Amino acid sequence: MPELIGKTLIVLGLGIVALGIVVSLLGKWPGEGTGLGWLGKLPGDMFIKRNNFTFYFPLGTSIVISVAGSLLLYFFLKR
């Protein structure tokens, strides 16, 4: 049982690293604009800028990522 948990954590970690690399490279893809530039600028994302104060809370983006992750887990872990 501990071996299964260890292998699962390794696979999940490698998957997160791969996803991070893909997302970071999408923004640098030639001819494709900003890649995922819309992510972080969705309705519901709060951005307040004052003289020497900036507050950013990506509520809309967090909801989209949460729903997408939940759907992926639902379809891949469905028994």
PDB file of N, CA and C in Angstrom:
ATOM      1  N   MET A   1       0.809  -1.204   0.000  1.00  0.00           N
ATOM      2  CA  MET A   1       0.000   0.000   0.000  1.00  0.00           C
ATOM      3  C   MET A   1       0.848   1.263   0.000  1.00  0.00           C
ATOM      4  N   PRO A   2       1.895   1.393   0.856  1.00  0.00           N
ATOM      5  CA  PRO A   2       2.725   2.606   0.816  1.00  0.00           C
ATOM      6  C   PRO A   2       3.421   2.797  -0.536  1.00  0.00           C
ATOM      7  N   GLU A   3       3.769   1.668  -1.213  1.00  0.00           N
ATOM      8  CA  GLU A   3       4.400   1.791  -2.527  1.00  0.00           C
ATOM      9  C   GLU A   3       3.450   2.422  -3.527  1.00  0.00           C
ATOM     10  N   LEU A   4       2.169   2.064  -3.455  1.00  0.00           N
ATOM     11  CA  LEU A   4       1.172   2.618  -4.369  1.00  0.00           C
ATOM     12  C   LEU A   4       0.987   4.119  -4.139  1.00  0.00           C
ATOM     13  N   ILE A   5       0.963   4.528  -2.889  1.00  0.00           N
ATOM     14  CA  ILE A   5       0.819   5.949  -2.570  1.00  0.00           C
ATOM     15  C   ILE A   5       2.031   6.721  -3.067  1.00  0.00           C
ATOM     16  N   GLY A   6       3.217   6.184  -2.870  1.00  0.00           N
ATOM     17  CA  GLY A   6       4.440   6.831  -3.326  1.00  0.00           C
ATOM     18  C   GLY A   6       4.475   6.993  -4.834  1.00  0.00           C
ATOM     19  N   LYS A   7       4.131   5.925  -5.554  1.00  0.00           N
ATOM     20  CA  LYS A   7       4.121   5.986  -7.019  1.00  0.00           C
ATOM     21  C   LYS A   7       3.063   6.969  -7.516  1.00  0.00           C
ATOM     22  N   THR A   8       1.918   6.990  -6.863  1.00  0.00           N
ATOM     23  CA  THR A   8       0.857   7.911  -7.252  1.00  0.00           C
ATOM     24  C   THR A   8       1.297   9.356  -7.057  1.00  0.00           C
ATOM     25  N   LEU A   9       1.949   9.654  -5.949  1.00  0.00           N
ATOM     26  CA  LEU A   9       2.436  11.010  -5.698  1.00  0.00           C
ATOM     27  C   LEU A   9       3.499  11.422  -6.713  1.00  0.00           C
ATOM     28  N   ILE A  10       4.363  10.491  -7.094  1.00  0.00           N
ATOM     29  CA  ILE A  10       5.383  10.794  -8.091  1.00  0.00           C
ATOM     30  C   ILE A  10       4.740  11.103  -9.434  1.00  0.00           C
ATOM     31  N   VAL A  11       3.769  10.303  -9.847  1.00  0.00           N
ATOM     32  CA  VAL A  11       3.094  10.523 -11.129  1.00  0.00           C
ATOM     33  C   VAL A  11       2.335  11.845 -11.110  1.00  0.00           C
ATOM     34  N   LEU A  12       1.644  12.147 -10.018  1.00  0.00           N
ATOM     35  CA  LEU A  12       0.924  13.415  -9.924  1.00  0.00           C
ATOM     36  C   LEU A  12       1.888  14.598  -9.970  1.00  0.00           C
ATOM     37  N   GLY A  13       3.002  14.496  -9.289  1.00  0.00           N
ATOM     38  CA  GLY A  13       3.995  15.568  -9.304  1.00  0.00           C
ATOM     39  C   GLY A  13       4.561  15.793 -10.695  1.00  0.00           C
ATOM     40  N   LEU A  14       4.895  14.722 -11.388  1.00  0.00           N
ATOM     41  CA  LEU A  14       5.401  14.859 -12.752  1.00  0.00           C
ATOM     42  C   LEU A  14       4.353  15.445 -13.686  1.00  0.00           C
ATOM     43  N   GLY A  15       3.085  15.078 -13.468  1.00  0.00           N
ATOM     44  CA  GLY A  15       2.010  15.643 -14.273  1.00  0.00           C
ATOM     45  C   GLY A  15       1.851  17.134 -14.043  1.00  0.00           C
ATOM     46  N   ILE A  16       1.964  17.571 -12.806  1.00  0.00           N
ATOM     47  CA  ILE A  16       1.850  18.997 -12.498  1.00  0.00           C
ATOM     48  C   ILE A  16       3.020  19.765 -13.110  1.00  0.00           C
ATOM     49  N   VAL A  17       4.224  19.200 -13.049  1.00  0.00           N
ATOM     50  CA  VAL A  17       5.384  19.844 -13.657  1.00  0.00           C
ATOM     51  C   VAL A  17       5.198  19.955 -15.172  1.00  0.00           C
ATOM     52  N   ALA A  18       4.727  18.891 -15.807  1.00  0.00           N
ATOM     53  CA  ALA A  18       4.503  18.908 -17.251  1.00  0.00           C
ATOM     54  C   ALA A  18       3.451  19.942 -17.628  1.00  0.00           C
ATOM     55  N   LEU A  19       2.388  20.019 -16.860  1.00  0.00           N
ATOM     56  CA  LEU A  19       1.350  21.004 -17.122  1.00  0.00           C
ATOM     57  C   LEU A  19       1.894  22.420 -16.968  1.00  0.00           C
ATOM     58  N   GLY A  20       2.714  22.654 -15.973  1.00  0.00           N
ATOM     59  CA  GLY A  20       3.329  23.960 -15.778  1.00  0.00           C
ATOM     60  C   GLY A  20       4.224  24.350 -16.938  1.00  0.00           C
ATOM     61  N   ILE A  21       4.982  23.398 -17.447  1.00  0.00           N
ATOM     62  CA  ILE A  21       5.851  23.674 -18.599  1.00  0.00           C
ATOM     63  C   ILE A  21       5.022  24.006 -19.832  1.00  0.00           C
ATOM     64  N   VAL A  22       3.962  23.253 -20.073  1.00  0.00           N
ATOM     65  CA  VAL A  22       3.100  23.504 -21.235  1.00  0.00           C
ATOM     66  C   VAL A  22       2.463  24.885 -21.140  1.00  0.00           C
ATOM     67  N   VAL A  23       1.936  25.243 -19.981  1.00  0.00           N
ATOM     68  CA  VAL A  23       1.273  26.533 -19.819  1.00  0.00           C
ATOM     69  C   VAL A  23       2.269  27.672 -19.995  1.00  0.00           C
ATOM     70  N   SER A  24       3.472  27.535 -19.466  1.00  0.00           N
ATOM     71  CA  SER A  24       4.459  28.601 -19.602  1.00  0.00           C
ATOM     72  C   SER A  24       4.948  28.722 -21.042  1.00  0.00           C
ATOM     73  N   LEU A  25       5.016  27.624 -21.776  1.00  0.00           N
ATOM     74  CA  LEU A  25       5.447  27.691 -23.165  1.00  0.00           C
ATOM     75  C   LEU A  25       4.353  28.216 -24.094  1.00  0.00           C
ATOM     76  N   LEU A  26       3.095  28.064 -23.725  1.00  0.00           N
ATOM     77  CA  LEU A  26       2.012  28.578 -24.556  1.00  0.00           C
ATOM     78  C   LEU A  26       2.103  30.090 -24.729  1.00  0.00           C
ATOM     79  N   GLY A  27       2.537  30.788 -23.707  1.00  0.00           N
ATOM     80  CA  GLY A  27       2.661  32.229 -23.793  1.00  0.00           C
ATOM     81  C   GLY A  27       3.799  32.670 -24.689  1.00  0.00           C
ATOM     82  N   LYS A  28       4.752  31.786 -24.950  1.00  0.00           N
ATOM     83  CA  LYS A  28       5.906  32.124 -25.779  1.00  0.00           C
ATOM     84  C   LYS A  28       5.808  31.538 -27.185  1.00  0.00           C
ATOM     85  N   TRP A  29       4.713  30.907 -27.506  1.00  0.00           N
ATOM     86  CA  TRP A  29       4.546  30.262 -28.803  1.00  0.00           C
ATOM     87  C   TRP A  29       4.487  31.318 -29.890  1.00  0.00           C
ATOM     88  N   PRO A  30       5.330  31.237 -30.911  1.00  0.00           N
ATOM     89  CA  PRO A  30       5.344  32.288 -31.939  1.00  0.00           C
ATOM     90  C   PRO A  30       4.077  32.284 -32.782  1.00  0.00           C
ATOM     91  N   GLY A  31       3.531  33.455 -32.997  1.00  0.00           N
ATOM     92  CA  GLY A  31       2.358  33.608 -33.845  1.00  0.00           C
ATOM     93  C   GLY A  31       1.046  33.292 -33.168  1.00  0.00           C
ATOM     94  N   GLU A  32       1.078  32.917 -31.939  1.00  0.00           N
ATOM     95  CA  GLU A  32      -0.151  32.543 -31.244  1.00  0.00           C
ATOM     96  C   GLU A  32      -0.608  33.604 -30.255  1.00  0.00           C
ATOM     97  N   GLY A  33      -0.035  34.775 -30.266  1.00  0.00           N
ATOM     98  CA  GLY A  33      -0.466  35.830 -29.356  1.00  0.00           C
ATOM     99  C   GLY A  33       0.036  35.577 -27.953  1.00  0.00           C
ATOM    100  N   THR A  34      -0.851  35.664 -26.995  1.00  0.00           N
ATOM    101  CA  THR A  34      -0.439  35.556 -25.600  1.00  0.00           C
ATOM    102  C   THR A  34      -0.714  34.187 -25.009  1.00  0.00           C
ATOM    103  N   GLY A  35      -1.107  33.228 -25.794  1.00  0.00           N
ATOM    104  CA  GLY A  35      -1.366  31.892 -25.245  1.00  0.00           C
ATOM    105  C   GLY A  35      -2.590  31.898 -24.368  1.00  0.00           C
ATOM    106  N   LEU A  36      -2.416  31.767 -23.078  1.00  0.00           N
ATOM    107  CA  LEU A  36      -3.522  31.785 -22.124  1.00  0.00           C
ATOM    108  C   LEU A  36      -3.600  33.146 -21.451  1.00  0.00           C
ATOM    109  N   GLY A  37      -3.447  34.213 -22.216  1.00  0.00           N
ATOM    110  CA  GLY A  37      -3.466  35.562 -21.671  1.00  0.00           C
ATOM    111  C   GLY A  37      -4.799  35.938 -21.049  1.00  0.00           C
ATOM    112  N   TRP A  38      -5.873  35.285 -21.444  1.00  0.00           N
ATOM    113  CA  TRP A  38      -7.193  35.562 -20.875  1.00  0.00           C
ATOM    114  C   TRP A  38      -7.301  35.034 -19.452  1.00  0.00           C
ATOM    115  N   LEU A  39      -6.459  34.045 -19.125  1.00  0.00           N
ATOM    116  CA  LEU A  39      -6.501  33.476 -17.790  1.00  0.00           C
ATOM    117  C   LEU A  39      -5.946  34.491 -16.800  1.00  0.00           C
ATOM    118  N   GLY A  40      -6.748  34.873 -15.850  1.00  0.00           N
ATOM    119  CA  GLY A  40      -6.361  35.897 -14.889  1.00  0.00           C
ATOM    120  C   GLY A  40      -7.028  37.228 -15.170  1.00  0.00           C
ATOM    121  N   LYS A  41      -7.775  37.283 -16.270  1.00  0.00           N
ATOM    122  CA  LYS A  41      -8.486  38.504 -16.631  1.00  0.00           C
ATOM    123  C   LYS A  41      -9.967  38.216 -16.863  1.00  0.00           C
ATOM    124  N   LEU A  42     -10.488  37.243 -16.161  1.00  0.00           N
ATOM    125  CA  LEU A  42     -11.877  36.843 -16.318  1.00  0.00           C
ATOM    126  C   LEU A  42     -12.802  37.736 -15.497  1.00  0.00           C
ATOM    127  N   PRO A  43     -14.088  37.776 -15.853  1.00  0.00           N
ATOM    128  CA  PRO A  43     -15.036  38.486 -14.989  1.00  0.00           C
ATOM    129  C   PRO A  43     -15.040  37.836 -13.605  1.00  0.00           C
ATOM    130  N   GLY A  44     -15.017  38.629 -12.594  1.00  0.00           N
ATOM    131  CA  GLY A  44     -14.957  38.113 -11.236  1.00  0.00           C
ATOM    132  C   GLY A  44     -13.570  38.226 -10.636  1.00  0.00           C
ATOM    133  N   ASP A  45     -12.554  38.428 -11.469  1.00  0.00           N
ATOM    134  CA  ASP A  45     -11.209  38.668 -10.960  1.00  0.00           C
ATOM    135  C   ASP A  45     -11.140  40.112 -10.487  1.00  0.00           C
ATOM    136  N   MET A  46     -10.722  40.290  -9.250  1.00  0.00           N
ATOM    137  CA  MET A  46     -10.687  41.633  -8.668  1.00  0.00           C
ATOM    138  C   MET A  46      -9.273  42.201  -8.748  1.00  0.00           C
ATOM    139  N   PHE A  47      -9.174  43.425  -9.253  1.00  0.00           N
ATOM    140  CA  PHE A  47      -7.897  44.112  -9.371  1.00  0.00           C
ATOM    141  C   PHE A  47      -8.097  45.552  -8.913  1.00  0.00           C
ATOM    142  N   ILE A  48      -7.440  45.925  -7.820  1.00  0.00           N
ATOM    143  CA  ILE A  48      -7.545  47.272  -7.268  1.00  0.00           C
ATOM    144  C   ILE A  48      -6.145  47.849  -7.205  1.00  0.00           C
ATOM    145  N   LYS A  49      -5.959  49.021  -7.834  1.00  0.00           N
ATOM    146  CA  LYS A  49      -4.652  49.673  -7.812  1.00  0.00           C
ATOM    147  C   LYS A  49      -4.817  51.093  -7.303  1.00  0.00           C
ATOM    148  N   ARG A  50      -4.125  51.394  -6.225  1.00  0.00           N
ATOM    149  CA  ARG A  50      -4.114  52.740  -5.645  1.00  0.00           C
ATOM    150  C   ARG A  50      -2.701  53.300  -5.791  1.00  0.00           C
ATOM    151  N   ASN A  51      -2.399  54.361  -5.096  1.00  0.00           N
ATOM    152  CA  ASN A  51      -1.092  55.018  -5.224  1.00  0.00           C
ATOM    153  C   ASN A  51       0.077  54.055  -5.011  1.00  0.00           C
ATOM    154  N   ASN A  52       0.169  53.465  -3.861  1.00  0.00           N
ATOM    155  CA  ASN A  52       1.264  52.531  -3.588  1.00  0.00           C
ATOM    156  C   ASN A  52       0.730  51.185  -3.088  1.00  0.00           C
ATOM    157  N   PHE A  53      -0.426  50.792  -3.565  1.00  0.00           N
ATOM    158  CA  PHE A  53      -1.070  49.571  -3.118  1.00  0.00           C
ATOM    159  C   PHE A  53      -1.723  48.883  -4.310  1.00  0.00           C
ATOM    160  N   THR A  54      -1.474  47.604  -4.460  1.00  0.00           N
ATOM    161  CA  THR A  54      -2.112  46.816  -5.518  1.00  0.00           C
ATOM    162  C   THR A  54      -2.681  45.548  -4.884  1.00  0.00           C
ATOM    163  N   PHE A  55      -3.951  45.266  -5.196  1.00  0.00           N
ATOM    164  CA  PHE A  55      -4.617  44.072  -4.685  1.00  0.00           C
ATOM    165  C   PHE A  55      -5.191  43.311  -5.867  1.00  0.00           C
ATOM    166  N   TYR A  56      -4.873  42.030  -5.965  1.00  0.00           N
ATOM    167  CA  TYR A  56      -5.389  41.193  -7.041  1.00  0.00           C
ATOM    168  C   TYR A  56      -5.903  39.900  -6.434  1.00  0.00           C
ATOM    169  N   PHE A  57      -7.161  39.585  -6.712  1.00  0.00           N
ATOM    170  CA  PHE A  57      -7.759  38.342  -6.227  1.00  0.00           C
ATOM    171  C   PHE A  57      -8.455  37.664  -7.406  1.00  0.00           C
ATOM    172  N   PRO A  58      -7.889  36.571  -7.948  1.00  0.00           N
ATOM    173  CA  PRO A  58      -8.441  35.923  -9.142  1.00  0.00           C
ATOM    174  C   PRO A  58      -9.590  34.963  -8.831  1.00  0.00           C
ATOM    175  N   LEU A  59     -10.719  35.494  -8.418  1.00  0.00           N
ATOM    176  CA  LEU A  59     -11.850  34.650  -8.048  1.00  0.00           C
ATOM    177  C   LEU A  59     -12.416  33.904  -9.253  1.00  0.00           C
ATOM    178  N   GLY A  60     -12.663  34.597 -10.345  1.00  0.00           N
ATOM    179  CA  GLY A  60     -13.211  33.958 -11.549  1.00  0.00           C
ATOM    180  C   GLY A  60     -12.284  32.887 -12.092  1.00  0.00           C
ATOM    181  N   THR A  61     -10.996  33.188 -12.134  1.00  0.00           N
ATOM    182  CA  THR A  61     -10.010  32.222 -12.614  1.00  0.00           C
ATOM    183  C   THR A  61      -9.961  31.010 -11.697  1.00  0.00           C
ATOM    184  N   SER A  62     -10.039  31.223 -10.398  1.00  0.00           N
ATOM    185  CA  SER A  62     -10.019  30.111  -9.439  1.00  0.00           C
ATOM    186  C   SER A  62     -11.219  29.197  -9.642  1.00  0.00           C
ATOM    187  N   ILE A  63     -12.371  29.778  -9.908  1.00  0.00           N
ATOM    188  CA  ILE A  63     -13.581  28.974 -10.127  1.00  0.00           C
ATOM    189  C   ILE A  63     -13.441  28.144 -11.393  1.00  0.00           C
ATOM    190  N   VAL A  64     -12.932  28.750 -12.478  1.00  0.00           N
ATOM    191  CA  VAL A  64     -12.764  28.020 -13.742  1.00  0.00           C
ATOM    192  C   VAL A  64     -11.787  26.863 -13.563  1.00  0.00           C
ATOM    193  N   ILE A  65     -10.663  27.103 -12.902  1.00  0.00           N
ATOM    194  CA  ILE A  65      -9.674  26.042 -12.689  1.00  0.00           C
ATOM    195  C   ILE A  65     -10.240  24.940 -11.795  1.00  0.00           C
ATOM    196  N   SER A  66     -11.013  25.310 -10.786  1.00  0.00           N
ATOM    197  CA  SER A  66     -11.609  24.327  -9.889  1.00  0.00           C
ATOM    198  C   SER A  66     -12.618  23.443 -10.622  1.00  0.00           C
ATOM    199  N   VAL A  67     -13.460  24.046 -11.440  1.00  0.00           N
ATOM    200  CA  VAL A  67     -14.450  23.268 -12.192  1.00  0.00           C
ATOM    201  C   VAL A  67     -13.757  22.345 -13.186  1.00  0.00           C
ATOM    202  N   ALA A  68     -12.753  22.857 -13.898  1.00  0.00           N
ATOM    203  CA  ALA A  68     -12.032  22.032 -14.872  1.00  0.00           C
ATOM    204  C   ALA A  68     -11.336  20.863 -14.171  1.00  0.00           C
ATOM    205  N   GLY A  69     -10.691  21.128 -13.045  1.00  0.00           N
ATOM    206  CA  GLY A  69     -10.027  20.066 -12.301  1.00  0.00           C
ATOM    207  C   GLY A  69     -11.007  19.034 -11.768  1.00  0.00           C
ATOM    208  N   SER A  70     -12.145  19.504 -11.279  1.00  0.00           N
ATOM    209  CA  SER A  70     -13.159  18.581 -10.767  1.00  0.00           C
ATOM    210  C   SER A  70     -13.708  17.690 -11.870  1.00  0.00           C
ATOM    211  N   LEU A  71     -13.939  18.266 -13.049  1.00  0.00           N
ATOM    212  CA  LEU A  71     -14.424  17.464 -14.173  1.00  0.00           C
ATOM    213  C   LEU A  71     -13.388  16.442 -14.616  1.00  0.00           C
ATOM    214  N   LEU A  72     -12.125  16.840 -14.673  1.00  0.00           N
ATOM    215  CA  LEU A  72     -11.077  15.892 -15.047  1.00  0.00           C
ATOM    216  C   LEU A  72     -11.002  14.742 -14.052  1.00  0.00           C
ATOM    217  N   LEU A  73     -11.015  15.058 -12.776  1.00  0.00           N
ATOM    218  CA  LEU A  73     -10.970  14.008 -11.763  1.00  0.00           C
ATOM    219  C   LEU A  73     -12.213  13.121 -11.824  1.00  0.00           C
ATOM    220  N   TYR A  74     -13.366  13.729 -12.084  1.00  0.00           N
ATOM    221  CA  TYR A  74     -14.606  12.942 -12.166  1.00  0.00           C
ATOM    222  C   TYR A  74     -14.527  11.925 -13.305  1.00  0.00           C
ATOM    223  N   PHE A  75     -14.049  12.370 -14.470  1.00  0.00           N
ATOM    224  CA  PHE A  75     -14.024  11.464 -15.628  1.00  0.00           C
ATOM    225  C   PHE A  75     -12.904  10.445 -15.543  1.00  0.00           C
ATOM    226  N   PHE A  76     -11.738  10.806 -14.976  1.00  0.00           N
ATOM    227  CA  PHE A  76     -10.623   9.875 -14.929  1.00  0.00           C
ATOM    228  C   PHE A  76     -10.675   8.910 -13.747  1.00  0.00           C
ATOM    229  N   LEU A  77     -11.326   9.323 -12.664  1.00  0.00           N
ATOM    230  CA  LEU A  77     -11.372   8.458 -11.481  1.00  0.00           C
ATOM    231  C   LEU A  77     -12.720   7.781 -11.302  1.00  0.00           C
ATOM    232  N   LYS A  78     -13.588   7.898 -12.309  1.00  0.00           N
ATOM    233  CA  LYS A  78     -14.902   7.273 -12.248  1.00  0.00           C
ATOM    234  C   LYS A  78     -14.746   5.751 -12.324  1.00  0.00           C
ATOM    235  N   ARG A  79     -15.443   5.055 -11.464  1.00  0.00           N
ATOM    236  CA  ARG A  79     -15.325   3.586 -11.440  1.00  0.00           C
ATOM    237  C   ARG A  79     -16.576   2.929 -11.919  1.00  0.00           C
TER     238      ARG A  79
END
